[in-house]
Structures are given as structure tokens and as C-alpha cells.
Amino acid sequence: MAMAERKKYTITMYREKTGAKAPQALLDLRRRQLEIAQKLTKALGAGPKTVPEVAKETRIAAREVLWYIMTYYKYGLVTVSGKTEEGYYRYALREGRK
């Protein structure tokens, strides 16, 4: 991927658009998103799990875990790897994503 085609991150876009340093609230939000992503990747890296299982393991609210997992699913970072007897889907990281 050429440098011009690389994904631009929110903080970089903010800096380019305004010419100013990103506000602390934006930096804090991005830091939190990265922490959540690391926790979810670690949890799913151990094997397929349901949203409630990931929420319990990571101590992140189930609604927030669901939001992230659905985003990851949309972008092809996770796959559905089955369903539990209770009807919950199990999600797993795509191969090469661990």
C-alpha cells in the first residue's frame, strides 16, 4: 500500500484540518478505543466466544462489546463460528488477525 493510500486516523485528520493539536477529549477517546480493541483481540484470540463471555472476561459492558464486535464483523476482522444452545453467536478472529 502506497503512503498516499494509507488510512488516515481521526487525530491526524483533525491536525491537518485545523492545524491545531487534538483536544484532550479526542485523545482520551482514541486511547480508550485502543484499550478496548486490545482487550477484545486478546479475549477472542484465545478462541471463539459469545458477546456475554467477552463482556465478562474483559469487564466491558455487553452493549459496548456488541458494538465493537459488529463493527469488526462489518470490516471482516471477525467471523461467526457457530451458535450456542441459548442462541448466542460465537465470534472468532479471522485467520491472521491474532
PDB file of N, CA and C in Angstrom:
ATOM      1  N   MET A   1       0.850  -1.176   0.000  1.00  0.00           N
ATOM      2  CA  MET A   1       0.000   0.000   0.000  1.00  0.00           C
ATOM      3  C   MET A   1       0.896   1.239   0.000  1.00  0.00           C
ATOM      4  N   ALA A   2       0.660   2.109  -0.925  1.00  0.00           N
ATOM      5  CA  ALA A   2       1.455   3.341  -1.017  1.00  0.00           C
ATOM      6  C   ALA A   2       1.112   4.274   0.130  1.00  0.00           C
ATOM      7  N   MET A   3       2.041   5.149   0.460  1.00  0.00           N
ATOM      8  CA  MET A   3       1.827   6.078   1.580  1.00  0.00           C
ATOM      9  C   MET A   3       0.559   6.912   1.389  1.00  0.00           C
ATOM     10  N   ALA A   4       0.286   7.363   0.170  1.00  0.00           N
ATOM     11  CA  ALA A   4      -0.885   8.206  -0.077  1.00  0.00           C
ATOM     12  C   ALA A   4      -2.184   7.440   0.141  1.00  0.00           C
ATOM     13  N   GLU A   5      -2.122   6.103   0.037  1.00  0.00           N
ATOM     14  CA  GLU A   5      -3.325   5.289   0.170  1.00  0.00           C
ATOM     15  C   GLU A   5      -3.564   4.825   1.606  1.00  0.00           C
ATOM     16  N   ARG A   6      -2.647   5.083   2.487  1.00  0.00           N
ATOM     17  CA  ARG A   6      -2.781   4.621   3.869  1.00  0.00           C
ATOM     18  C   ARG A   6      -3.960   5.301   4.544  1.00  0.00           C
ATOM     19  N   LYS A   7      -4.572   4.569   5.458  1.00  0.00           N
ATOM     20  CA  LYS A   7      -5.716   5.084   6.206  1.00  0.00           C
ATOM     21  C   LYS A   7      -5.268   6.247   7.084  1.00  0.00           C
ATOM     22  N   LYS A   8      -6.052   7.315   7.096  1.00  0.00           N
ATOM     23  CA  LYS A   8      -5.756   8.440   7.970  1.00  0.00           C
ATOM     24  C   LYS A   8      -6.577   8.278   9.248  1.00  0.00           C
ATOM     25  N   TYR A   9      -5.948   8.522  10.354  1.00  0.00           N
ATOM     26  CA  TYR A   9      -6.625   8.391  11.632  1.00  0.00           C
ATOM     27  C   TYR A   9      -7.252   9.712  12.047  1.00  0.00           C
ATOM     28  N   THR A  10      -8.239   9.624  12.896  1.00  0.00           N
ATOM     29  CA  THR A  10      -9.004  10.783  13.327  1.00  0.00           C
ATOM     30  C   THR A  10      -8.116  11.915  13.817  1.00  0.00           C
ATOM     31  N   ILE A  11      -7.157  11.605  14.641  1.00  0.00           N
ATOM     32  CA  ILE A  11      -6.298  12.643  15.221  1.00  0.00           C
ATOM     33  C   ILE A  11      -5.454  13.311  14.139  1.00  0.00           C
ATOM     34  N   THR A  12      -4.951  12.517  13.203  1.00  0.00           N
ATOM     35  CA  THR A  12      -4.175  13.079  12.094  1.00  0.00           C
ATOM     36  C   THR A  12      -5.044  13.979  11.231  1.00  0.00           C
ATOM     37  N   MET A  13      -6.258  13.534  10.933  1.00  0.00           N
ATOM     38  CA  MET A  13      -7.167  14.351  10.119  1.00  0.00           C
ATOM     39  C   MET A  13      -7.511  15.652  10.837  1.00  0.00           C
ATOM     40  N   TYR A  14      -7.731  15.576  12.146  1.00  0.00           N
ATOM     41  CA  TYR A  14      -8.047  16.780  12.918  1.00  0.00           C
ATOM     42  C   TYR A  14      -6.897  17.779  12.831  1.00  0.00           C
ATOM     43  N   ARG A  15      -5.676  17.284  13.021  1.00  0.00           N
ATOM     44  CA  ARG A  15      -4.494  18.140  12.982  1.00  0.00           C
ATOM     45  C   ARG A  15      -4.345  18.792  11.600  1.00  0.00           C
ATOM     46  N   GLU A  16      -4.549  18.019  10.537  1.00  0.00           N
ATOM     47  CA  GLU A  16      -4.437  18.550   9.175  1.00  0.00           C
ATOM     48  C   GLU A  16      -5.515  19.585   8.878  1.00  0.00           C
ATOM     49  N   LYS A  17      -6.710  19.330   9.352  1.00  0.00           N
ATOM     50  CA  LYS A  17      -7.838  20.220   9.057  1.00  0.00           C
ATOM     51  C   LYS A  17      -7.755  21.531   9.825  1.00  0.00           C
ATOM     52  N   THR A  18      -7.386  21.447  11.098  1.00  0.00           N
ATOM     53  CA  THR A  18      -7.414  22.640  11.948  1.00  0.00           C
ATOM     54  C   THR A  18      -6.042  23.272  12.138  1.00  0.00           C
ATOM     55  N   GLY A  19      -5.003  22.488  11.944  1.00  0.00           N
ATOM     56  CA  GLY A  19      -3.656  22.987  12.192  1.00  0.00           C
ATOM     57  C   GLY A  19      -3.334  23.069  13.672  1.00  0.00           C
ATOM     58  N   ALA A  20      -4.210  22.525  14.495  1.00  0.00           N
ATOM     59  CA  ALA A  20      -4.032  22.589  15.943  1.00  0.00           C
ATOM     60  C   ALA A  20      -3.873  21.182  16.517  1.00  0.00           C
ATOM     61  N   LYS A  21      -3.374  21.126  17.725  1.00  0.00           N
ATOM     62  CA  LYS A  21      -3.272  19.867  18.439  1.00  0.00           C
ATOM     63  C   LYS A  21      -4.682  19.372  18.769  1.00  0.00           C
ATOM     64  N   ALA A  22      -4.868  18.070  18.717  1.00  0.00           N
ATOM     65  CA  ALA A  22      -6.169  17.485  19.027  1.00  0.00           C
ATOM     66  C   ALA A  22      -6.529  17.754  20.489  1.00  0.00           C
ATOM     67  N   PRO A  23      -7.811  18.032  20.758  1.00  0.00           N
ATOM     68  CA  PRO A  23      -8.222  18.265  22.149  1.00  0.00           C
ATOM     69  C   PRO A  23      -8.042  17.010  23.006  1.00  0.00           C
ATOM     70  N   GLN A  24      -7.845  17.207  24.268  1.00  0.00           N
ATOM     71  CA  GLN A  24      -7.606  16.093  25.185  1.00  0.00           C
ATOM     72  C   GLN A  24      -8.750  15.089  25.151  1.00  0.00           C
ATOM     73  N   ALA A  25      -9.985  15.540  24.991  1.00  0.00           N
ATOM     74  CA  ALA A  25     -11.129  14.625  24.945  1.00  0.00           C
ATOM     75  C   ALA A  25     -10.998  13.645  23.775  1.00  0.00           C
ATOM     76  N   LEU A  26     -10.543  14.129  22.634  1.00  0.00           N
ATOM     77  CA  LEU A  26     -10.352  13.271  21.469  1.00  0.00           C
ATOM     78  C   LEU A  26      -9.206  12.286  21.710  1.00  0.00           C
ATOM     79  N   LEU A  27      -8.146  12.745  22.305  1.00  0.00           N
ATOM     80  CA  LEU A  27      -7.018  11.863  22.621  1.00  0.00           C
ATOM     81  C   LEU A  27      -7.434  10.779  23.615  1.00  0.00           C
ATOM     82  N   ASP A  28      -8.220  11.161  24.613  1.00  0.00           N
ATOM     83  CA  ASP A  28      -8.700  10.198  25.609  1.00  0.00           C
ATOM     84  C   ASP A  28      -9.620   9.163  24.973  1.00  0.00           C
ATOM     85  N   LEU A  29     -10.501   9.616  24.080  1.00  0.00           N
ATOM     86  CA  LEU A  29     -11.415   8.703  23.392  1.00  0.00           C
ATOM     87  C   LEU A  29     -10.621   7.692  22.568  1.00  0.00           C
ATOM     88  N   ARG A  30      -9.653   8.164  21.820  1.00  0.00           N
ATOM     89  CA  ARG A  30      -8.845   7.271  20.982  1.00  0.00           C
ATOM     90  C   ARG A  30      -8.063   6.280  21.838  1.00  0.00           C
ATOM     91  N   ARG A  31      -7.544   6.734  22.963  1.00  0.00           N
ATOM     92  CA  ARG A  31      -6.814   5.844  23.874  1.00  0.00           C
ATOM     93  C   ARG A  31      -7.742   4.747  24.396  1.00  0.00           C
ATOM     94  N   ARG A  32      -8.959   5.138  24.774  1.00  0.00           N
ATOM     95  CA  ARG A  32      -9.940   4.153  25.270  1.00  0.00           C
ATOM     96  C   ARG A  32     -10.298   3.139  24.180  1.00  0.00           C
ATOM     97  N   GLN A  33     -10.479   3.619  22.956  1.00  0.00           N
ATOM     98  CA  GLN A  33     -10.792   2.708  21.852  1.00  0.00           C
ATOM     99  C   GLN A  33      -9.674   1.694  21.634  1.00  0.00           C
ATOM    100  N   LEU A  34      -8.444   2.143  21.725  1.00  0.00           N
ATOM    101  CA  LEU A  34      -7.308   1.233  21.561  1.00  0.00           C
ATOM    102  C   LEU A  34      -7.249   0.204  22.691  1.00  0.00           C
ATOM    103  N   GLU A  35      -7.530   0.636  23.914  1.00  0.00           N
ATOM    104  CA  GLU A  35      -7.542  -0.288  25.053  1.00  0.00           C
ATOM    105  C   GLU A  35      -8.614  -1.354  24.873  1.00  0.00           C
ATOM    106  N   ILE A  36      -9.798  -0.932  24.445  1.00  0.00           N
ATOM    107  CA  ILE A  36     -10.899  -1.878  24.222  1.00  0.00           C
ATOM    108  C   ILE A  36     -10.524  -2.854  23.113  1.00  0.00           C
ATOM    109  N   ALA A  37      -9.963  -2.336  22.031  1.00  0.00           N
ATOM    110  CA  ALA A  37      -9.568  -3.196  20.910  1.00  0.00           C
ATOM    111  C   ALA A  37      -8.560  -4.248  21.363  1.00  0.00           C
ATOM    112  N   GLN A  38      -7.603  -3.855  22.193  1.00  0.00           N
ATOM    113  CA  GLN A  38      -6.611  -4.808  22.691  1.00  0.00           C
ATOM    114  C   GLN A  38      -7.260  -5.877  23.560  1.00  0.00           C
ATOM    115  N   LYS A  39      -8.172  -5.481  24.429  1.00  0.00           N
ATOM    116  CA  LYS A  39      -8.858  -6.441  25.297  1.00  0.00           C
ATOM    117  C   LYS A  39      -9.699  -7.420  24.481  1.00  0.00           C
ATOM    118  N   LEU A  40     -10.419  -6.904  23.486  1.00  0.00           N
ATOM    119  CA  LEU A  40     -11.262  -7.776  22.668  1.00  0.00           C
ATOM    120  C   LEU A  40     -10.413  -8.732  21.837  1.00  0.00           C
ATOM    121  N   THR A  41      -9.325  -8.237  21.286  1.00  0.00           N
ATOM    122  CA  THR A  41      -8.442  -9.084  20.496  1.00  0.00           C
ATOM    123  C   THR A  41      -7.836 -10.185  21.353  1.00  0.00           C
ATOM    124  N   LYS A  42      -7.457  -9.844  22.562  1.00  0.00           N
ATOM    125  CA  LYS A  42      -6.895 -10.843  23.475  1.00  0.00           C
ATOM    126  C   LYS A  42      -7.946 -11.896  23.825  1.00  0.00           C
ATOM    127  N   ALA A  43      -9.158 -11.444  24.149  1.00  0.00           N
ATOM    128  CA  ALA A  43     -10.234 -12.372  24.524  1.00  0.00           C
ATOM    129  C   ALA A  43     -10.586 -13.303  23.366  1.00  0.00           C
ATOM    130  N   LEU A  44     -10.741 -12.750  22.174  1.00  0.00           N
ATOM    131  CA  LEU A  44     -11.110 -13.568  21.023  1.00  0.00           C
ATOM    132  C   LEU A  44      -9.930 -14.376  20.497  1.00  0.00           C
ATOM    133  N   GLY A  45      -8.720 -13.933  20.790  1.00  0.00           N
ATOM    134  CA  GLY A  45      -7.531 -14.666  20.372  1.00  0.00           C
ATOM    135  C   GLY A  45      -7.412 -16.008  21.067  1.00  0.00           C
ATOM    136  N   ALA A  46      -8.025 -16.143  22.226  1.00  0.00           N
ATOM    137  CA  ALA A  46      -7.994 -17.396  22.974  1.00  0.00           C
ATOM    138  C   ALA A  46      -8.989 -18.412  22.432  1.00  0.00           C
ATOM    139  N   GLY A  47      -9.846 -17.982  21.518  1.00  0.00           N
ATOM    140  CA  GLY A  47     -10.833 -18.883  20.925  1.00  0.00           C
ATOM    141  C   GLY A  47     -12.174 -18.199  20.794  1.00  0.00           C
ATOM    142  N   PRO A  48     -13.078 -18.808  20.027  1.00  0.00           N
ATOM    143  CA  PRO A  48     -14.404 -18.217  19.793  1.00  0.00           C
ATOM    144  C   PRO A  48     -15.170 -18.009  21.097  1.00  0.00           C
ATOM    145  N   LYS A  49     -15.849 -16.871  21.175  1.00  0.00           N
ATOM    146  CA  LYS A  49     -16.627 -16.538  22.373  1.00  0.00           C
ATOM    147  C   LYS A  49     -17.903 -15.791  21.978  1.00  0.00           C
ATOM    148  N   THR A  50     -18.876 -15.829  22.876  1.00  0.00           N
ATOM    149  CA  THR A  50     -20.097 -15.049  22.701  1.00  0.00           C
ATOM    150  C   THR A  50     -19.875 -13.646  23.258  1.00  0.00           C
ATOM    151  N   VAL A  51     -20.787 -12.750  22.939  1.00  0.00           N
ATOM    152  CA  VAL A  51     -20.687 -11.384  23.466  1.00  0.00           C
ATOM    153  C   VAL A  51     -20.697 -11.392  24.997  1.00  0.00           C
ATOM    154  N   PRO A  52     -21.633 -12.126  25.657  1.00  0.00           N
ATOM    155  CA  PRO A  52     -21.605 -12.142  27.125  1.00  0.00           C
ATOM    156  C   PRO A  52     -20.298 -12.690  27.700  1.00  0.00           C
ATOM    157  N   GLU A  53     -19.712 -13.689  27.054  1.00  0.00           N
ATOM    158  CA  GLU A  53     -18.448 -14.240  27.535  1.00  0.00           C
ATOM    159  C   GLU A  53     -17.319 -13.209  27.427  1.00  0.00           C
ATOM    160  N   VAL A  54     -17.286 -12.502  26.306  1.00  0.00           N
ATOM    161  CA  VAL A  54     -16.257 -11.469  26.119  1.00  0.00           C
ATOM    162  C   VAL A  54     -16.466 -10.346  27.126  1.00  0.00           C
ATOM    163  N   ALA A  55     -17.720  -9.942  27.330  1.00  0.00           N
ATOM    164  CA  ALA A  55     -18.024  -8.866  28.276  1.00  0.00           C
ATOM    165  C   ALA A  55     -17.574  -9.245  29.685  1.00  0.00           C
ATOM    166  N   LYS A  56     -17.857 -10.469  30.078  1.00  0.00           N
ATOM    167  CA  LYS A  56     -17.465 -10.919  31.419  1.00  0.00           C
ATOM    168  C   LYS A  56     -15.947 -10.961  31.560  1.00  0.00           C
ATOM    169  N   GLU A  57     -15.261 -11.488  30.545  1.00  0.00           N
ATOM    170  CA  GLU A  57     -13.807 -11.616  30.598  1.00  0.00           C
ATOM    171  C   GLU A  57     -13.101 -10.261  30.591  1.00  0.00           C
ATOM    172  N   THR A  58     -13.609  -9.322  29.804  1.00  0.00           N
ATOM    173  CA  THR A  58     -12.947  -8.021  29.651  1.00  0.00           C
ATOM    174  C   THR A  58     -13.466  -6.963  30.619  1.00  0.00           C
ATOM    175  N   ARG A  59     -14.587  -7.249  31.259  1.00  0.00           N
ATOM    176  CA  ARG A  59     -15.250  -6.292  32.162  1.00  0.00           C
ATOM    177  C   ARG A  59     -15.662  -5.016  31.424  1.00  0.00           C
ATOM    178  N   ILE A  60     -16.098  -5.205  30.179  1.00  0.00           N
ATOM    179  CA  ILE A  60     -16.640  -4.121  29.356  1.00  0.00           C
ATOM    180  C   ILE A  60     -18.124  -4.416  29.201  1.00  0.00           C
ATOM    181  N   ALA A  61     -18.958  -3.392  29.235  1.00  0.00           N
ATOM    182  CA  ALA A  61     -20.405  -3.573  29.121  1.00  0.00           C
ATOM    183  C   ALA A  61     -20.739  -4.352  27.847  1.00  0.00           C
ATOM    184  N   ALA A  62     -21.686  -5.292  27.956  1.00  0.00           N
ATOM    185  CA  ALA A  62     -22.056  -6.147  26.830  1.00  0.00           C
ATOM    186  C   ALA A  62     -22.508  -5.330  25.618  1.00  0.00           C
ATOM    187  N   ARG A  63     -23.229  -4.240  25.839  1.00  0.00           N
ATOM    188  CA  ARG A  63     -23.688  -3.428  24.702  1.00  0.00           C
ATOM    189  C   ARG A  63     -22.504  -2.815  23.954  1.00  0.00           C
ATOM    190  N   GLU A  64     -21.449  -2.464  24.684  1.00  0.00           N
ATOM    191  CA  GLU A  64     -20.260  -1.895  24.060  1.00  0.00           C
ATOM    192  C   GLU A  64     -19.462  -2.987  23.328  1.00  0.00           C
ATOM    193  N   VAL A  65     -19.371  -4.164  23.938  1.00  0.00           N
ATOM    194  CA  VAL A  65     -18.708  -5.292  23.291  1.00  0.00           C
ATOM    195  C   VAL A  65     -19.433  -5.630  21.994  1.00  0.00           C
ATOM    196  N   LEU A  66     -20.756  -5.672  22.045  1.00  0.00           N
ATOM    197  CA  LEU A  66     -21.549  -5.973  20.845  1.00  0.00           C
ATOM    198  C   LEU A  66     -21.275  -4.948  19.754  1.00  0.00           C
ATOM    199  N   TRP A  67     -21.227  -3.680  20.108  1.00  0.00           N
ATOM    200  CA  TRP A  67     -20.979  -2.620  19.127  1.00  0.00           C
ATOM    201  C   TRP A  67     -19.633  -2.825  18.441  1.00  0.00           C
ATOM    202  N   TYR A  68     -18.602  -3.090  19.223  1.00  0.00           N
ATOM    203  CA  TYR A  68     -17.270  -3.299  18.651  1.00  0.00           C
ATOM    204  C   TYR A  68     -17.226  -4.564  17.791  1.00  0.00           C
ATOM    205  N   ILE A  69     -17.803  -5.655  18.288  1.00  0.00           N
ATOM    206  CA  ILE A  69     -17.769  -6.898  17.526  1.00  0.00           C
ATOM    207  C   ILE A  69     -18.536  -6.759  16.211  1.00  0.00           C
ATOM    208  N   MET A  70     -19.653  -6.066  16.226  1.00  0.00           N
ATOM    209  CA  MET A  70     -20.400  -5.858  14.985  1.00  0.00           C
ATOM    210  C   MET A  70     -19.605  -4.982  14.012  1.00  0.00           C
ATOM    211  N   THR A  71     -18.878  -4.025  14.537  1.00  0.00           N
ATOM    212  CA  THR A  71     -18.013  -3.202  13.693  1.00  0.00           C
ATOM    213  C   THR A  71     -16.902  -4.069  13.102  1.00  0.00           C
ATOM    214  N   TYR A  72     -16.304  -4.902  13.920  1.00  0.00           N
ATOM    215  CA  TYR A  72     -15.248  -5.796  13.450  1.00  0.00           C
ATOM    216  C   TYR A  72     -15.799  -6.761  12.400  1.00  0.00           C
ATOM    217  N   TYR A  73     -17.026  -7.235  12.618  1.00  0.00           N
ATOM    218  CA  TYR A  73     -17.662  -8.143  11.662  1.00  0.00           C
ATOM    219  C   TYR A  73     -17.888  -7.431  10.327  1.00  0.00           C
ATOM    220  N   LYS A  74     -18.368  -6.214  10.401  1.00  0.00           N
ATOM    221  CA  LYS A  74     -18.626  -5.421   9.189  1.00  0.00           C
ATOM    222  C   LYS A  74     -17.361  -5.273   8.347  1.00  0.00           C
ATOM    223  N   TYR A  75     -16.244  -5.065   9.005  1.00  0.00           N
ATOM    224  CA  TYR A  75     -14.975  -4.859   8.311  1.00  0.00           C
ATOM    225  C   TYR A  75     -14.154  -6.132   8.130  1.00  0.00           C
ATOM    226  N   GLY A  76     -14.753  -7.278   8.431  1.00  0.00           N
ATOM    227  CA  GLY A  76     -14.099  -8.552   8.168  1.00  0.00           C
ATOM    228  C   GLY A  76     -13.005  -8.957   9.126  1.00  0.00           C
ATOM    229  N   LEU A  77     -12.996  -8.378  10.319  1.00  0.00           N
ATOM    230  CA  LEU A  77     -11.965  -8.716  11.293  1.00  0.00           C
ATOM    231  C   LEU A  77     -12.341  -9.922  12.141  1.00  0.00           C
ATOM    232  N   VAL A  78     -13.650 -10.192  12.263  1.00  0.00           N
ATOM    233  CA  VAL A  78     -14.123 -11.370  12.991  1.00  0.00           C
ATOM    234  C   VAL A  78     -15.121 -12.122  12.117  1.00  0.00           C
ATOM    235  N   THR A  79     -15.318 -13.387  12.468  1.00  0.00           N
ATOM    236  CA  THR A  79     -16.297 -14.216  11.768  1.00  0.00           C
ATOM    237  C   THR A  79     -17.205 -14.871  12.802  1.00  0.00           C
ATOM    238  N   VAL A  80     -18.356 -15.337  12.339  1.00  0.00           N
ATOM    239  CA  VAL A  80     -19.245 -16.115  13.190  1.00  0.00           C
ATOM    240  C   VAL A  80     -18.766 -17.550  13.105  1.00  0.00           C
ATOM    241  N   SER A  81     -18.566 -18.169  14.251  1.00  0.00           N
ATOM    242  CA  SER A  81     -18.032 -19.534  14.242  1.00  0.00           C
ATOM    243  C   SER A  81     -18.994 -20.531  14.878  1.00  0.00           C
ATOM    244  N   GLY A  82     -20.251 -20.202  14.913  1.00  0.00           N
ATOM    245  CA  GLY A  82     -21.235 -21.121  15.461  1.00  0.00           C
ATOM    246  C   GLY A  82     -22.220 -20.411  16.355  1.00  0.00           C
ATOM    247  N   LYS A  83     -23.078 -21.226  16.952  1.00  0.00           N
ATOM    248  CA  LYS A  83     -24.140 -20.697  17.801  1.00  0.00           C
ATOM    249  C   LYS A  83     -24.271 -21.597  19.026  1.00  0.00           C
ATOM    250  N   THR A  84     -24.557 -20.990  20.175  1.00  0.00           N
ATOM    251  CA  THR A  84     -24.734 -21.768  21.399  1.00  0.00           C
ATOM    252  C   THR A  84     -26.157 -22.306  21.468  1.00  0.00           C
ATOM    253  N   GLU A  85     -26.401 -23.185  22.415  1.00  0.00           N
ATOM    254  CA  GLU A  85     -27.754 -23.714  22.609  1.00  0.00           C
ATOM    255  C   GLU A  85     -28.728 -22.609  23.011  1.00  0.00           C
ATOM    256  N   GLU A  86     -28.207 -21.578  23.675  1.00  0.00           N
ATOM    257  CA  GLU A  86     -29.052 -20.460  24.111  1.00  0.00           C
ATOM    258  C   GLU A  86     -29.350 -19.488  22.971  1.00  0.00           C
ATOM    259  N   GLY A  87     -28.682 -19.664  21.829  1.00  0.00           N
ATOM    260  CA  GLY A  87     -28.928 -18.800  20.681  1.00  0.00           C
ATOM    261  C   GLY A  87     -27.913 -17.691  20.475  1.00  0.00           C
ATOM    262  N   TYR A  88     -26.875 -17.657  21.304  1.00  0.00           N
ATOM    263  CA  TYR A  88     -25.831 -16.646  21.135  1.00  0.00           C
ATOM    264  C   TYR A  88     -24.864 -17.081  20.035  1.00  0.00           C
ATOM    265  N   TYR A  89     -24.451 -16.140  19.238  1.00  0.00           N
ATOM    266  CA  TYR A  89     -23.432 -16.432  18.236  1.00  0.00           C
ATOM    267  C   TYR A  89     -22.060 -16.402  18.885  1.00  0.00           C
ATOM    268  N   ARG A  90     -21.180 -17.261  18.401  1.00  0.00           N
ATOM    269  CA  ARG A  90     -19.784 -17.251  18.828  1.00  0.00           C
ATOM    270  C   ARG A  90     -18.988 -16.545  17.744  1.00  0.00           C
ATOM    271  N   TYR A  91     -18.129 -15.643  18.171  1.00  0.00           N
ATOM    272  CA  TYR A  91     -17.306 -14.875  17.245  1.00  0.00           C
ATOM    273  C   TYR A  91     -15.844 -15.246  17.434  1.00  0.00           C
ATOM    274  N   ALA A  92     -15.120 -15.263  16.323  1.00  0.00           N
ATOM    275  CA  ALA A  92     -13.695 -15.579  16.358  1.00  0.00           C
ATOM    276  C   ALA A  92     -12.960 -14.594  15.465  1.00  0.00           C
ATOM    277  N   LEU A  93     -11.692 -14.346  15.803  1.00  0.00           N
ATOM    278  CA  LEU A  93     -10.864 -13.511  14.943  1.00  0.00           C
ATOM    279  C   LEU A  93     -10.635 -14.237  13.628  1.00  0.00           C
ATOM    280  N   ARG A  94     -10.597 -13.487  12.557  1.00  0.00           N
ATOM    281  CA  ARG A  94     -10.257 -14.083  11.262  1.00  0.00           C
ATOM    282  C   ARG A  94      -8.820 -14.565  11.311  1.00  0.00           C
ATOM    283  N   GLU A  95      -8.521 -15.582  10.536  1.00  0.00           N
ATOM    284  CA  GLU A  95      -7.160 -16.113  10.477  1.00  0.00           C
ATOM    285  C   GLU A  95      -6.177 -14.998  10.166  1.00  0.00           C
ATOM    286  N   GLY A  96      -5.053 -15.008  10.833  1.00  0.00           N
ATOM    287  CA  GLY A  96      -4.033 -13.999  10.612  1.00  0.00           C
ATOM    288  C   GLY A  96      -4.268 -12.705  11.383  1.00  0.00           C
ATOM    289  N   ARG A  97      -5.281 -12.642  12.232  1.00  0.00           N
ATOM    290  CA  ARG A  97      -5.615 -11.429  12.983  1.00  0.00           C
ATOM    291  C   ARG A  97      -5.166 -11.484  14.426  1.00  0.00           C
ATOM    292  N   LYS A  98      -4.612 -12.582  14.890  1.00  0.00           N
ATOM    293  CA  LYS A  98      -4.251 -12.730  16.300  1.00  0.00           C
ATOM    294  C   LYS A  98      -3.062 -11.891  16.659  1.00  0.00           C
TER     295      LYS A  98
END
